[in-house]
PDB file of N, CA and C in Angstrom:
ATOM      1  N   MET A   1      44.694  57.358 102.766  1.00  0.00           N
ATOM      2  CA  MET A   1      44.803  58.828 103.123  1.00  0.00           C
ATOM      3  C   MET A   1      44.316  58.883 104.530  1.00  0.00           C
ATOM      4  N   GLU A   2      45.100  59.364 105.278  1.00  0.00           N
ATOM      5  CA  GLU A   2      44.695  59.477 106.875  1.00  0.00           C
ATOM      6  C   GLU A   2      44.690  61.149 107.082  1.00  0.00           C
ATOM      7  N   LEU A   3      43.621  61.243 108.018  1.00  0.00           N
ATOM      8  CA  LEU A   3      43.636  62.545 108.545  1.00  0.00           C
ATOM      9  C   LEU A   3      43.897  62.844 109.853  1.00  0.00           C
ATOM     10  N   HIS A   4      45.088  63.352 110.124  1.00  0.00           N
ATOM     11  CA  HIS A   4      45.487  63.768 111.490  1.00  0.00           C
ATOM     12  C   HIS A   4      45.131  65.117 111.917  1.00  0.00           C
ATOM     13  N   LEU A   5      44.423  65.137 112.938  1.00  0.00           N
ATOM     14  CA  LEU A   5      43.851  66.384 113.401  1.00  0.00           C
ATOM     15  C   LEU A   5      44.906  66.819 114.556  1.00  0.00           C
ATOM     16  N   PRO A   6      45.071  68.044 114.669  1.00  0.00           N
ATOM     17  CA  PRO A   6      45.833  68.554 116.240  1.00  0.00           C
ATOM     18  C   PRO A   6      45.175  68.268 117.367  1.00  0.00           C
ATOM     19  N   ARG A   7      45.912  67.849 118.425  1.00  0.00           N
ATOM     20  CA  ARG A   7      45.318  67.537 119.682  1.00  0.00           C
ATOM     21  C   ARG A   7      44.562  68.599 120.417  1.00  0.00           C
ATOM     22  N   PHE A   8      44.944  69.785 119.971  1.00  0.00           N
ATOM     23  CA  PHE A   8      44.167  71.021 120.675  1.00  0.00           C
ATOM     24  C   PHE A   8      42.863  71.288 120.193  1.00  0.00           C
ATOM     25  N   ILE A   9      42.297  70.482 119.207  1.00  0.00           N
ATOM     26  CA  ILE A   9      41.059  71.074 118.790  1.00  0.00           C
ATOM     27  C   ILE A   9      39.965  70.644 120.033  1.00  0.00           C
ATOM     28  N   ASN A  10      39.258  71.610 120.074  1.00  0.00           N
ATOM     29  CA  ASN A  10      38.279  71.840 121.329  1.00  0.00           C
ATOM     30  C   ASN A  10      37.243  70.539 121.150  1.00  0.00           C
ATOM     31  N   ASN A  11      36.919  69.970 122.272  1.00  0.00           N
ATOM     32  CA  ASN A  11      35.956  69.027 122.260  1.00  0.00           C
ATOM     33  C   ASN A  11      34.487  69.662 121.975  1.00  0.00           C
ATOM     34  N   PHE A  12      34.327  70.877 122.178  1.00  0.00           N
ATOM     35  CA  PHE A  12      33.140  71.537 121.793  1.00  0.00           C
ATOM     36  C   PHE A  12      32.628  71.198 120.293  1.00  0.00           C
ATOM     37  N   TYR A  13      33.735  71.293 119.450  1.00  0.00           N
ATOM     38  CA  TYR A  13      33.415  71.032 117.959  1.00  0.00           C
ATOM     39  C   TYR A  13      32.837  69.504 117.614  1.00  0.00           C
ATOM     40  N   TRP A  14      33.459  68.652 118.577  1.00  0.00           N
ATOM     41  CA  TRP A  14      32.845  67.384 118.388  1.00  0.00           C
ATOM     42  C   TRP A  14      31.471  66.969 118.964  1.00  0.00           C
ATOM     43  N   TRP A  15      31.105  67.843 119.907  1.00  0.00           N
ATOM     44  CA  TRP A  15      29.703  67.638 120.508  1.00  0.00           C
ATOM     45  C   TRP A  15      28.604  68.436 119.825  1.00  0.00           C
ATOM     46  N   CYS A  16      28.809  69.764 119.943  1.00  0.00           N
ATOM     47  CA  CYS A  16      27.824  70.579 119.582  1.00  0.00           C
ATOM     48  C   CYS A  16      27.499  70.812 117.756  1.00  0.00           C
ATOM     49  N   PRO A  17      28.538  71.171 117.347  1.00  0.00           N
ATOM     50  CA  PRO A  17      28.401  71.340 115.665  1.00  0.00           C
ATOM     51  C   PRO A  17      28.396  69.893 115.022  1.00  0.00           C
ATOM     52  N   PHE A  18      29.133  69.148 115.438  1.00  0.00           N
ATOM     53  CA  PHE A  18      29.349  67.860 114.906  1.00  0.00           C
ATOM     54  C   PHE A  18      27.915  67.104 115.007  1.00  0.00           C
ATOM     55  N   THR A  19      27.269  66.818 116.136  1.00  0.00           N
ATOM     56  CA  THR A  19      25.931  66.176 116.338  1.00  0.00           C
ATOM     57  C   THR A  19      24.951  66.870 115.529  1.00  0.00           C
ATOM     58  N   ILE A  20      24.855  68.323 115.394  1.00  0.00           N
ATOM     59  CA  ILE A  20      23.910  68.931 114.822  1.00  0.00           C
ATOM     60  C   ILE A  20      24.112  68.733 113.047  1.00  0.00           C
ATOM     61  N   ILE A  21      25.232  68.655 112.740  1.00  0.00           N
ATOM     62  CA  ILE A  21      25.467  68.648 111.321  1.00  0.00           C
ATOM     63  C   ILE A  21      25.250  67.145 110.983  1.00  0.00           C
ATOM     64  N   PHE A  22      25.653  66.010 111.863  1.00  0.00           N
ATOM     65  CA  PHE A  22      25.493  64.769 111.545  1.00  0.00           C
ATOM     66  C   PHE A  22      23.920  64.372 111.477  1.00  0.00           C
ATOM     67  N   ILE A  23      23.173  65.019 112.376  1.00  0.00           N
ATOM     68  CA  ILE A  23      21.628  64.829 112.269  1.00  0.00           C
ATOM     69  C   ILE A  23      21.014  65.428 110.887  1.00  0.00           C
ATOM     70  N   ILE A  24      21.561  66.476 110.477  1.00  0.00           N
ATOM     71  CA  ILE A  24      21.139  67.124 109.358  1.00  0.00           C
ATOM     72  C   ILE A  24      21.366  66.320 108.205  1.00  0.00           C
ATOM     73  N   ILE A  25      22.697  66.024 107.992  1.00  0.00           N
ATOM     74  CA  ILE A  25      23.149  65.291 106.835  1.00  0.00           C
ATOM     75  C   ILE A  25      22.540  63.709 106.809  1.00  0.00           C
ATOM     76  N   GLY A  26      22.539  63.333 108.162  1.00  0.00           N
ATOM     77  CA  GLY A  26      21.975  61.904 108.005  1.00  0.00           C
ATOM     78  C   GLY A  26      20.493  61.894 107.605  1.00  0.00           C
ATOM     79  N   TYR A  27      19.827  62.803 108.125  1.00  0.00           N
ATOM     80  CA  TYR A  27      18.296  62.845 107.678  1.00  0.00           C
ATOM     81  C   TYR A  27      18.300  63.154 106.077  1.00  0.00           C
ATOM     82  N   HIS A  28      19.040  63.918 105.610  1.00  0.00           N
ATOM     83  CA  HIS A  28      19.054  64.405 104.119  1.00  0.00           C
ATOM     84  C   HIS A  28      19.422  63.058 103.325  1.00  0.00           C
ATOM     85  N   ASN A  29      20.488  62.385 103.840  1.00  0.00           N
ATOM     86  CA  ASN A  29      20.910  61.148 103.149  1.00  0.00           C
ATOM     87  C   ASN A  29      19.935  60.126 103.155  1.00  0.00           C
ATOM     88  N   ILE A  30      19.157  59.952 104.355  1.00  0.00           N
ATOM     89  CA  ILE A  30      18.419  58.504 104.571  1.00  0.00           C
ATOM     90  C   ILE A  30      17.031  58.883 103.608  1.00  0.00           C
ATOM     91  N   PHE A  31      16.448  60.063 103.858  1.00  0.00           N
ATOM     92  CA  PHE A  31      15.302  60.306 103.291  1.00  0.00           C
ATOM     93  C   PHE A  31      15.104  61.015 101.686  1.00  0.00           C
ATOM     94  N   ASN A  32      16.294  61.622 101.428  1.00  0.00           N
ATOM     95  CA  ASN A  32      16.077  62.290 100.299  1.00  0.00           C
ATOM     96  C   ASN A  32      17.171  61.676  99.165  1.00  0.00           C
ATOM     97  N   ASN A  33      18.537  61.583  99.530  1.00  0.00           N
ATOM     98  CA  ASN A  33      19.270  60.922  98.601  1.00  0.00           C
ATOM     99  C   ASN A  33      19.038  59.415  98.305  1.00  0.00           C
ATOM    100  N   TRP A  34      19.133  58.567  99.439  1.00  0.00           N
ATOM    101  CA  TRP A  34      19.018  57.287  99.136  1.00  0.00           C
ATOM    102  C   TRP A  34      17.643  56.767  99.326  1.00  0.00           C
ATOM    103  N   GLU A  35      16.796  57.536  99.913  1.00  0.00           N
ATOM    104  CA  GLU A  35      15.224  56.966 100.102  1.00  0.00           C
ATOM    105  C   GLU A  35      15.075  55.632 100.516  1.00  0.00           C
ATOM    106  N   LEU A  36      15.628  55.530 101.800  1.00  0.00           N
ATOM    107  CA  LEU A  36      15.596  54.324 102.318  1.00  0.00           C
ATOM    108  C   LEU A  36      14.263  53.992 103.046  1.00  0.00           C
ATOM    109  N   GLN A  37      13.253  54.796 102.946  1.00  0.00           N
ATOM    110  CA  GLN A  37      12.000  54.711 103.579  1.00  0.00           C
ATOM    111  C   GLN A  37      11.380  53.741 102.618  1.00  0.00           C
ATOM    112  N   LEU A  38      11.720  53.624 101.379  1.00  0.00           N
ATOM    113  CA  LEU A  38      11.177  52.939 100.422  1.00  0.00           C
ATOM    114  C   LEU A  38      11.429  51.248 100.522  1.00  0.00           C
ATOM    115  N   TYR A  39      12.490  51.130 101.263  1.00  0.00           N
ATOM    116  CA  TYR A  39      12.921  49.607 101.536  1.00  0.00           C
ATOM    117  C   TYR A  39      12.382  49.097 102.804  1.00  0.00           C
ATOM    118  N   GLY A  40      12.225  47.820 103.020  1.00  0.00           N
ATOM    119  CA  GLY A  40      12.013  47.258 104.158  1.00  0.00           C
ATOM    120  C   GLY A  40      13.124  46.628 104.844  1.00  0.00           C
ATOM    121  N   PHE A  41      13.097  46.322 106.037  1.00  0.00           N
ATOM    122  CA  PHE A  41      14.235  45.943 106.890  1.00  0.00           C
ATOM    123  C   PHE A  41      14.129  44.376 107.123  1.00  0.00           C
ATOM    124  N   ASN A  42      13.750  43.766 106.151  1.00  0.00           N
ATOM    125  CA  ASN A  42      13.558  42.170 106.230  1.00  0.00           C
ATOM    126  C   ASN A  42      14.881  41.415 106.034  1.00  0.00           C
ATOM    127  N   GLU A  43      15.563  41.998 105.147  1.00  0.00           N
ATOM    128  CA  GLU A  43      16.988  41.547 104.933  1.00  0.00           C
ATOM    129  C   GLU A  43      18.126  42.023 105.593  1.00  0.00           C
ATOM    130  N   LEU A  44      19.115  41.207 105.564  1.00  0.00           N
ATOM    131  CA  LEU A  44      20.347  41.959 106.182  1.00  0.00           C
ATOM    132  C   LEU A  44      20.938  42.911 105.165  1.00  0.00           C
ATOM    133  N   GLU A  45      20.618  42.853 103.932  1.00  0.00           N
ATOM    134  CA  GLU A  45      21.231  43.904 102.832  1.00  0.00           C
ATOM    135  C   GLU A  45      20.618  45.082 103.182  1.00  0.00           C
ATOM    136  N   ASP A  46      19.352  45.198 103.690  1.00  0.00           N
ATOM    137  CA  ASP A  46      18.716  46.690 103.805  1.00  0.00           C
ATOM    138  C   ASP A  46      19.553  47.107 105.107  1.00  0.00           C
ATOM    139  N   LEU A  47      19.669  46.422 106.145  1.00  0.00           N
ATOM    140  CA  LEU A  47      20.444  46.931 107.304  1.00  0.00           C
ATOM    141  C   LEU A  47      21.729  47.360 107.091  1.00  0.00           C
ATOM    142  N   GLY A  48      22.539  46.555 105.993  1.00  0.00           N
ATOM    143  CA  GLY A  48      23.788  47.111 105.668  1.00  0.00           C
ATOM    144  C   GLY A  48      23.711  48.446 104.883  1.00  0.00           C
ATOM    145  N   ARG A  49      22.754  48.554 103.958  1.00  0.00           N
ATOM    146  CA  ARG A  49      22.553  49.706 103.467  1.00  0.00           C
ATOM    147  C   ARG A  49      22.341  50.945 104.315  1.00  0.00           C
ATOM    148  N   LEU A  50      21.506  50.670 105.225  1.00  0.00           N
ATOM    149  CA  LEU A  50      21.426  51.755 106.300  1.00  0.00           C
ATOM    150  C   LEU A  50      22.803  52.147 107.050  1.00  0.00           C
ATOM    151  N   LEU A  51      23.547  51.219 107.520  1.00  0.00           N
ATOM    152  CA  LEU A  51      24.738  51.408 108.007  1.00  0.00           C
ATOM    153  C   LEU A  51      25.789  52.065 107.121  1.00  0.00           C
ATOM    154  N   PHE A  52      25.605  51.681 105.840  1.00  0.00           N
ATOM    155  CA  PHE A  52      26.699  52.306 104.969  1.00  0.00           C
ATOM    156  C   PHE A  52      26.305  53.882 104.811  1.00  0.00           C
ATOM    157  N   VAL A  53      25.008  54.258 104.722  1.00  0.00           N
ATOM    158  CA  VAL A  53      24.358  55.607 104.581  1.00  0.00           C
ATOM    159  C   VAL A  53      24.933  56.338 105.775  1.00  0.00           C
ATOM    160  N   LEU A  54      24.886  55.678 106.978  1.00  0.00           N
ATOM    161  CA  LEU A  54      25.217  56.506 108.295  1.00  0.00           C
ATOM    162  C   LEU A  54      26.598  56.702 108.307  1.00  0.00           C
ATOM    163  N   CYS A  55      27.334  55.776 107.766  1.00  0.00           N
ATOM    164  CA  CYS A  55      28.909  55.871 107.878  1.00  0.00           C
ATOM    165  C   CYS A  55      29.336  56.929 106.846  1.00  0.00           C
ATOM    166  N   ILE A  56      28.712  57.150 105.667  1.00  0.00           N
ATOM    167  CA  ILE A  56      28.915  58.069 104.784  1.00  0.00           C
ATOM    168  C   ILE A  56      28.533  59.423 105.492  1.00  0.00           C
ATOM    169  N   SER A  57      27.578  59.562 106.150  1.00  0.00           N
ATOM    170  CA  SER A  57      26.966  60.674 106.769  1.00  0.00           C
ATOM    171  C   SER A  57      27.900  61.209 107.802  1.00  0.00           C
ATOM    172  N   LEU A  58      28.604  60.224 108.578  1.00  0.00           N
ATOM    173  CA  LEU A  58      29.411  60.421 109.739  1.00  0.00           C
ATOM    174  C   LEU A  58      30.733  60.963 109.134  1.00  0.00           C
ATOM    175  N   CYS A  59      31.179  60.371 108.039  1.00  0.00           N
ATOM    176  CA  CYS A  59      32.434  60.976 107.208  1.00  0.00           C
ATOM    177  C   CYS A  59      32.177  62.473 106.634  1.00  0.00           C
ATOM    178  N   GLU A  60      30.999  62.715 106.093  1.00  0.00           N
ATOM    179  CA  GLU A  60      30.549  63.990 105.613  1.00  0.00           C
ATOM    180  C   GLU A  60      30.646  65.016 106.877  1.00  0.00           C
ATOM    181  N   SER A  61      29.958  64.610 107.886  1.00  0.00           N
ATOM    182  CA  SER A  61      29.991  65.552 108.917  1.00  0.00           C
ATOM    183  C   SER A  61      31.141  65.661 109.713  1.00  0.00           C
ATOM    184  N   SER A  62      32.146  64.875 109.772  1.00  0.00           N
ATOM    185  CA  SER A  62      33.435  65.145 110.299  1.00  0.00           C
ATOM    186  C   SER A  62      34.260  66.036 109.638  1.00  0.00           C
ATOM    187  N   LEU A  63      34.197  65.883 108.267  1.00  0.00           N
ATOM    188  CA  LEU A  63      34.963  66.659 107.427  1.00  0.00           C
ATOM    189  C   LEU A  63      34.426  68.178 107.459  1.00  0.00           C
ATOM    190  N   ILE A  64      33.047  68.164 107.393  1.00  0.00           N
ATOM    191  CA  ILE A  64      32.460  69.648 107.518  1.00  0.00           C
ATOM    192  C   ILE A  64      32.982  70.175 108.714  1.00  0.00           C
ATOM    193  N   THR A  65      32.767  69.479 109.955  1.00  0.00           N
ATOM    194  CA  THR A  65      33.193  70.015 111.052  1.00  0.00           C
ATOM    195  C   THR A  65      34.571  70.586 111.410  1.00  0.00           C
ATOM    196  N   VAL A  66      35.559  69.815 110.714  1.00  0.00           N
ATOM    197  CA  VAL A  66      36.797  70.169 110.626  1.00  0.00           C
ATOM    198  C   VAL A  66      37.089  71.470 109.702  1.00  0.00           C
ATOM    199  N   ILE A  67      36.240  71.635 108.661  1.00  0.00           N
ATOM    200  CA  ILE A  67      36.479  72.758 107.807  1.00  0.00           C
ATOM    201  C   ILE A  67      35.896  74.094 108.588  1.00  0.00           C
ATOM    202  N   VAL A  68      34.827  73.687 109.347  1.00  0.00           N
ATOM    203  CA  VAL A  68      34.004  74.868 110.252  1.00  0.00           C
ATOM    204  C   VAL A  68      35.164  75.357 111.424  1.00  0.00           C
ATOM    205  N   TRP A  69      35.931  74.305 111.920  1.00  0.00           N
ATOM    206  CA  TRP A  69      36.908  74.527 112.855  1.00  0.00           C
ATOM    207  C   TRP A  69      38.011  75.289 112.163  1.00  0.00           C
ATOM    208  N   TRP A  70      38.479  74.989 111.035  1.00  0.00           N
ATOM    209  CA  TRP A  70      39.705  75.622 110.459  1.00  0.00           C
ATOM    210  C   TRP A  70      39.239  77.053 110.032  1.00  0.00           C
ATOM    211  N   VAL A  71      38.112  77.343 109.606  1.00  0.00           N
ATOM    212  CA  VAL A  71      37.638  78.639 109.271  1.00  0.00           C
ATOM    213  C   VAL A  71      37.527  79.534 110.486  1.00  0.00           C
ATOM    214  N   ILE A  72      37.015  78.944 111.379  1.00  0.00           N
ATOM    215  CA  ILE A  72      36.969  79.697 112.822  1.00  0.00           C
ATOM    216  C   ILE A  72      38.169  80.018 113.353  1.00  0.00           C
ATOM    217  N   LYS A  73      39.282  79.237 113.279  1.00  0.00           N
ATOM    218  CA  LYS A  73      40.323  79.376 113.837  1.00  0.00           C
ATOM    219  C   LYS A  73      41.368  80.497 112.919  1.00  0.00           C
ATOM    220  N   SER A  74      41.009  80.294 111.630  1.00  0.00           N
ATOM    221  CA  SER A  74      41.670  81.273 110.693  1.00  0.00           C
ATOM    222  C   SER A  74      41.012  82.814 110.911  1.00  0.00           C
ATOM    223  N   LEU A  75      39.761  82.745 111.230  1.00  0.00           N
ATOM    224  CA  LEU A  75      39.204  84.014 111.345  1.00  0.00           C
ATOM    225  C   LEU A  75      39.620  84.709 112.637  1.00  0.00           C
ATOM    226  N   LYS A  76      39.893  83.988 113.711  1.00  0.00           N
ATOM    227  CA  LYS A  76      40.357  84.300 114.992  1.00  0.00           C
ATOM    228  C   LYS A  76      41.854  84.901 114.695  1.00  0.00           C
ATOM    229  N   ARG A  77      42.545  84.147 113.891  1.00  0.00           N
ATOM    230  CA  ARG A  77      43.927  84.538 113.908  1.00  0.00           C
ATOM    231  C   ARG A  77      44.093  85.909 113.093  1.00  0.00           C
ATOM    232  N   ILE A  78      43.129  85.934 112.004  1.00  0.00           N
ATOM    233  CA  ILE A  78      43.169  87.127 111.279  1.00  0.00           C
ATOM    234  C   ILE A  78      42.571  88.456 112.105  1.00  0.00           C
ATOM    235  N   LEU A  79      41.589  88.194 112.769  1.00  0.00           N
ATOM    236  CA  LEU A  79      41.049  89.254 113.535  1.00  0.00           C
ATOM    237  C   LEU A  79      41.813  89.608 114.725  1.00  0.00           C
ATOM    238  N   SER A  80      42.865  88.816 115.301  1.00  0.00           N
ATOM    239  CA  SER A  80      43.599  89.075 116.496  1.00  0.00           C
ATOM    240  C   SER A  80      44.890  89.836 116.002  1.00  0.00           C
ATOM    241  N   LYS A  81      45.208  89.754 114.837  1.00  0.00           N
ATOM    242  CA  LYS A  81      46.588  90.590 114.456  1.00  0.00           C
ATOM    243  C   LYS A  81      46.068  92.050 114.674  1.00  0.00           C
ATOM    244  N   PRO A  82      47.187  92.877 115.246  1.00  0.00           N
ATOM    245  CA  PRO A  82      46.804  94.417 115.170  1.00  0.00           C
ATOM    246  C   PRO A  82      46.998  94.986 113.745  1.00  0.00           C
ATOM    247  N   ILE A  83      46.286  95.892 113.691  1.00  0.00           N
ATOM    248  CA  ILE A  83      46.234  96.597 112.322  1.00  0.00           C
ATOM    249  C   ILE A  83      47.551  97.511 112.343  1.00  0.00           C
ATOM    250  N   GLU A  84      48.417  97.369 111.589  1.00  0.00           N
ATOM    251  CA  GLU A  84      49.422  98.198 111.501  1.00  0.00           C
ATOM    252  C   GLU A  84      49.189  99.514 110.349  1.00  0.00           C
ATOM    253  N   GLU A  85      49.671 100.577 110.888  1.00  0.00           N
ATOM    254  CA  GLU A  85      49.466 101.838 110.314  1.00  0.00           C
ATOM    255  C   GLU A  85      50.538 101.973 109.251  1.00  0.00           C
ATOM    256  N   SER A  86      50.281 102.179 107.941  1.00  0.00           N
ATOM    257  CA  SER A  86      51.302 102.535 106.969  1.00  0.00           C
ATOM    258  C   SER A  86      51.277 103.998 106.711  1.00  0.00           C
ATOM    259  N   ASP A  87      52.560 104.575 106.447  1.00  0.00           N
ATOM    260  CA  ASP A  87      52.969 105.600 106.229  1.00  0.00           C
ATOM    261  C   ASP A  87      52.441 105.977 104.697  1.00  0.00           C
ATOM    262  N   PHE A  88      51.805 106.825 104.233  1.00  0.00           N
ATOM    263  CA  PHE A  88      51.459 107.107 102.878  1.00  0.00           C
ATOM    264  C   PHE A  88      52.240 108.358 102.335  1.00  0.00           C
TER     265      PHE A  88
END
């Protein structure tokens, strides 16, 4: 499954919200979900586990960023439409 984003998505969404979301989700996954602080980094497996958690966090953050972009775009489109007066 591929995710094709439109080319006109603003770079602002990939710098500001994406980094904030990635830091929050990465912190949550590392310290709460996977509890990586209990493991040492003496083996390659532990480094692989950390990279796996960071990749999962990256995917979650990009998906949330796209959802936030879609919601904001939809709200802008809804709010920019003129209100039509209907005859009762």
